[in-house]
Amino acid sequence: MKKNIHPNYRPVVFKDLSSDFAFLTRSTVETKETIKWEDGKEYPLYKIEISSASHPFYTGEQKIIDSAGRVDKFRKKYANLNLKKKEA
């Protein structure tokens, strides 16, 4: 392999800012900050806004949209408009 063309693949801590959840994995992401991890070593820190700990799909706090009710509301709203056009 050629030297100096590959990104630096190393352990990085990803920290979810909304839930204070952090995990250690390997990545090539560039960071400026570091954090001391549970094993006592210092790792690069990459802050993220959402992860599996805070995403509504994974936490079970997902909102269910009533699409059938929305369709009925739309039809009611524009049914009168269609009748007025036919009468004119």
C-alpha atoms as a PDB file:
ATOM      1  CA  MET A   1       0.000   0.000   0.000  1.00  0.00           C
ATOM      2  CA  LYS A   2       1.107   3.549  -0.667  1.00  0.00           C
ATOM      3  CA  LYS A   3       2.116   5.585   2.362  1.00  0.00           C
ATOM      4  CA  ASN A   4       0.528   8.884   3.430  1.00  0.00           C
ATOM      5  CA  ILE A   5      -2.646   8.539   1.310  1.00  0.00           C
ATOM      6  CA  HIS A   6      -4.905   6.723   3.793  1.00  0.00           C
ATOM      7  CA  PRO A   7      -6.810   8.493   6.588  1.00  0.00           C
ATOM      8  CA  ASN A   8      -5.866   7.858  10.205  1.00  0.00           C
ATOM      9  CA  TYR A   9      -8.109   4.987  11.412  1.00  0.00           C
ATOM     10  CA  ARG A  10      -8.125   5.055  15.191  1.00  0.00           C
ATOM     11  CA  PRO A  11     -10.391   4.678  18.267  1.00  0.00           C
ATOM     12  CA  VAL A  12     -12.728   7.663  18.710  1.00  0.00           C
ATOM     13  CA  VAL A  13     -15.366   8.451  21.350  1.00  0.00           C
ATOM     14  CA  PHE A  14     -18.708   9.620  19.940  1.00  0.00           C
ATOM     15  CA  LYS A  15     -20.794  11.569  22.470  1.00  0.00           C
ATOM     16  CA  ASP A  16     -24.504  12.284  22.076  1.00  0.00           C
ATOM     17  CA  LEU A  17     -25.071  15.801  23.405  1.00  0.00           C
ATOM     18  CA  SER A  18     -28.816  15.434  23.921  1.00  0.00           C
ATOM     19  CA  SER A  19     -28.684  12.311  26.110  1.00  0.00           C
ATOM     20  CA  ASP A  20     -25.120  12.385  27.501  1.00  0.00           C
ATOM     21  CA  PHE A  21     -24.513   8.930  25.989  1.00  0.00           C
ATOM     22  CA  ALA A  22     -21.038   8.065  24.693  1.00  0.00           C
ATOM     23  CA  PHE A  23     -19.531   5.082  22.912  1.00  0.00           C
ATOM     24  CA  LEU A  24     -16.060   4.125  21.765  1.00  0.00           C
ATOM     25  CA  THR A  25     -15.513   2.874  18.226  1.00  0.00           C
ATOM     26  CA  ARG A  26     -12.965   3.149  15.453  1.00  0.00           C
ATOM     27  CA  SER A  27     -13.240   5.932  12.895  1.00  0.00           C
ATOM     28  CA  THR A  28     -11.333   8.205  10.518  1.00  0.00           C
ATOM     29  CA  VAL A  29     -13.208  11.346  11.585  1.00  0.00           C
ATOM     30  CA  GLU A  30     -11.012  14.367  12.326  1.00  0.00           C
ATOM     31  CA  THR A  31     -11.428  15.910  15.788  1.00  0.00           C
ATOM     32  CA  LYS A  32      -9.840  18.668  17.854  1.00  0.00           C
ATOM     33  CA  GLU A  33     -11.122  17.664  21.302  1.00  0.00           C
ATOM     34  CA  THR A  34     -10.168  14.703  23.487  1.00  0.00           C
ATOM     35  CA  ILE A  35     -11.844  12.931  26.400  1.00  0.00           C
ATOM     36  CA  LYS A  36     -10.666  10.546  29.098  1.00  0.00           C
ATOM     37  CA  TRP A  37     -12.517   7.243  28.645  1.00  0.00           C
ATOM     38  CA  GLU A  38     -13.518   4.620  31.236  1.00  0.00           C
ATOM     39  CA  ASP A  39     -10.297   2.657  30.701  1.00  0.00           C
ATOM     40  CA  GLY A  40      -8.215   5.684  31.762  1.00  0.00           C
ATOM     41  CA  LYS A  41      -6.875   6.410  28.270  1.00  0.00           C
ATOM     42  CA  GLU A  42      -7.472   9.635  26.373  1.00  0.00           C
ATOM     43  CA  TYR A  43      -9.272   9.404  23.013  1.00  0.00           C
ATOM     44  CA  PRO A  44     -10.375  11.914  20.369  1.00  0.00           C
ATOM     45  CA  LEU A  45     -13.937  13.161  20.987  1.00  0.00           C
ATOM     46  CA  TYR A  46     -16.565  13.694  18.287  1.00  0.00           C
ATOM     47  CA  LYS A  47     -19.839  15.301  19.406  1.00  0.00           C
ATOM     48  CA  ILE A  48     -23.076  14.210  17.737  1.00  0.00           C
ATOM     49  CA  GLU A  49     -26.603  15.573  18.071  1.00  0.00           C
ATOM     50  CA  ILE A  50     -28.519  12.303  17.884  1.00  0.00           C
ATOM     51  CA  SER A  51     -27.755   8.624  18.441  1.00  0.00           C
ATOM     52  CA  SER A  52     -29.634   5.431  19.232  1.00  0.00           C
ATOM     53  CA  ALA A  53     -29.961   6.655  22.829  1.00  0.00           C
ATOM     54  CA  SER A  54     -31.915   9.761  21.824  1.00  0.00           C
ATOM     55  CA  HIS A  55     -33.552   8.960  18.458  1.00  0.00           C
ATOM     56  CA  PRO A  56     -37.356   8.584  18.775  1.00  0.00           C
ATOM     57  CA  PHE A  57     -37.410   5.376  16.724  1.00  0.00           C
ATOM     58  CA  TYR A  58     -35.053   3.573  19.111  1.00  0.00           C
ATOM     59  CA  THR A  59     -36.379   5.062  22.361  1.00  0.00           C
ATOM     60  CA  GLY A  60     -40.016   4.194  21.612  1.00  0.00           C
ATOM     61  CA  GLU A  61     -41.158   7.819  21.824  1.00  0.00           C
ATOM     62  CA  GLN A  62     -42.074   7.948  18.161  1.00  0.00           C
ATOM     63  CA  LYS A  63     -45.195   9.923  17.279  1.00  0.00           C
ATOM     64  CA  ILE A  64     -47.773   8.044  15.234  1.00  0.00           C
ATOM     65  CA  ILE A  65     -49.340  10.162  12.518  1.00  0.00           C
ATOM     66  CA  ASP A  66     -53.048   9.694  11.885  1.00  0.00           C
ATOM     67  CA  SER A  67     -52.845   9.680   8.101  1.00  0.00           C
ATOM     68  CA  ALA A  68     -56.393   8.380   7.601  1.00  0.00           C
ATOM     69  CA  GLY A  69     -57.802  11.291   9.591  1.00  0.00           C
ATOM     70  CA  ARG A  70     -55.694  13.722   7.611  1.00  0.00           C
ATOM     71  CA  VAL A  71     -57.024  12.365   4.318  1.00  0.00           C
ATOM     72  CA  ASP A  72     -60.633  12.688   5.510  1.00  0.00           C
ATOM     73  CA  LYS A  73     -59.989  16.232   6.684  1.00  0.00           C
ATOM     74  CA  PHE A  74     -58.504  17.101   3.274  1.00  0.00           C
ATOM     75  CA  ARG A  75     -61.499  15.637   1.419  1.00  0.00           C
ATOM     76  CA  LYS A  76     -63.968  17.548   3.615  1.00  0.00           C
ATOM     77  CA  LYS A  77     -62.078  20.765   3.119  1.00  0.00           C
ATOM     78  CA  TYR A  78     -62.021  20.552  -0.677  1.00  0.00           C
ATOM     79  CA  ALA A  79     -65.360  18.782  -1.240  1.00  0.00           C
ATOM     80  CA  ASN A  80     -67.220  22.081  -0.918  1.00  0.00           C
ATOM     81  CA  LEU A  81     -64.801  23.713  -3.336  1.00  0.00           C
ATOM     82  CA  ASN A  82     -65.504  21.066  -5.993  1.00  0.00           C
ATOM     83  CA  LEU A  83     -69.291  21.451  -5.557  1.00  0.00           C
ATOM     84  CA  LYS A  84     -69.033  25.220  -6.034  1.00  0.00           C
ATOM     85  CA  LYS A  85     -67.073  24.750  -9.268  1.00  0.00           C
ATOM     86  CA  LYS A  86     -69.657  22.289 -10.632  1.00  0.00           C
ATOM     87  CA  GLU A  87     -72.540  24.656  -9.825  1.00  0.00           C
ATOM     88  CA  ALA A  88     -70.876  27.585 -11.568  1.00  0.00           C
END
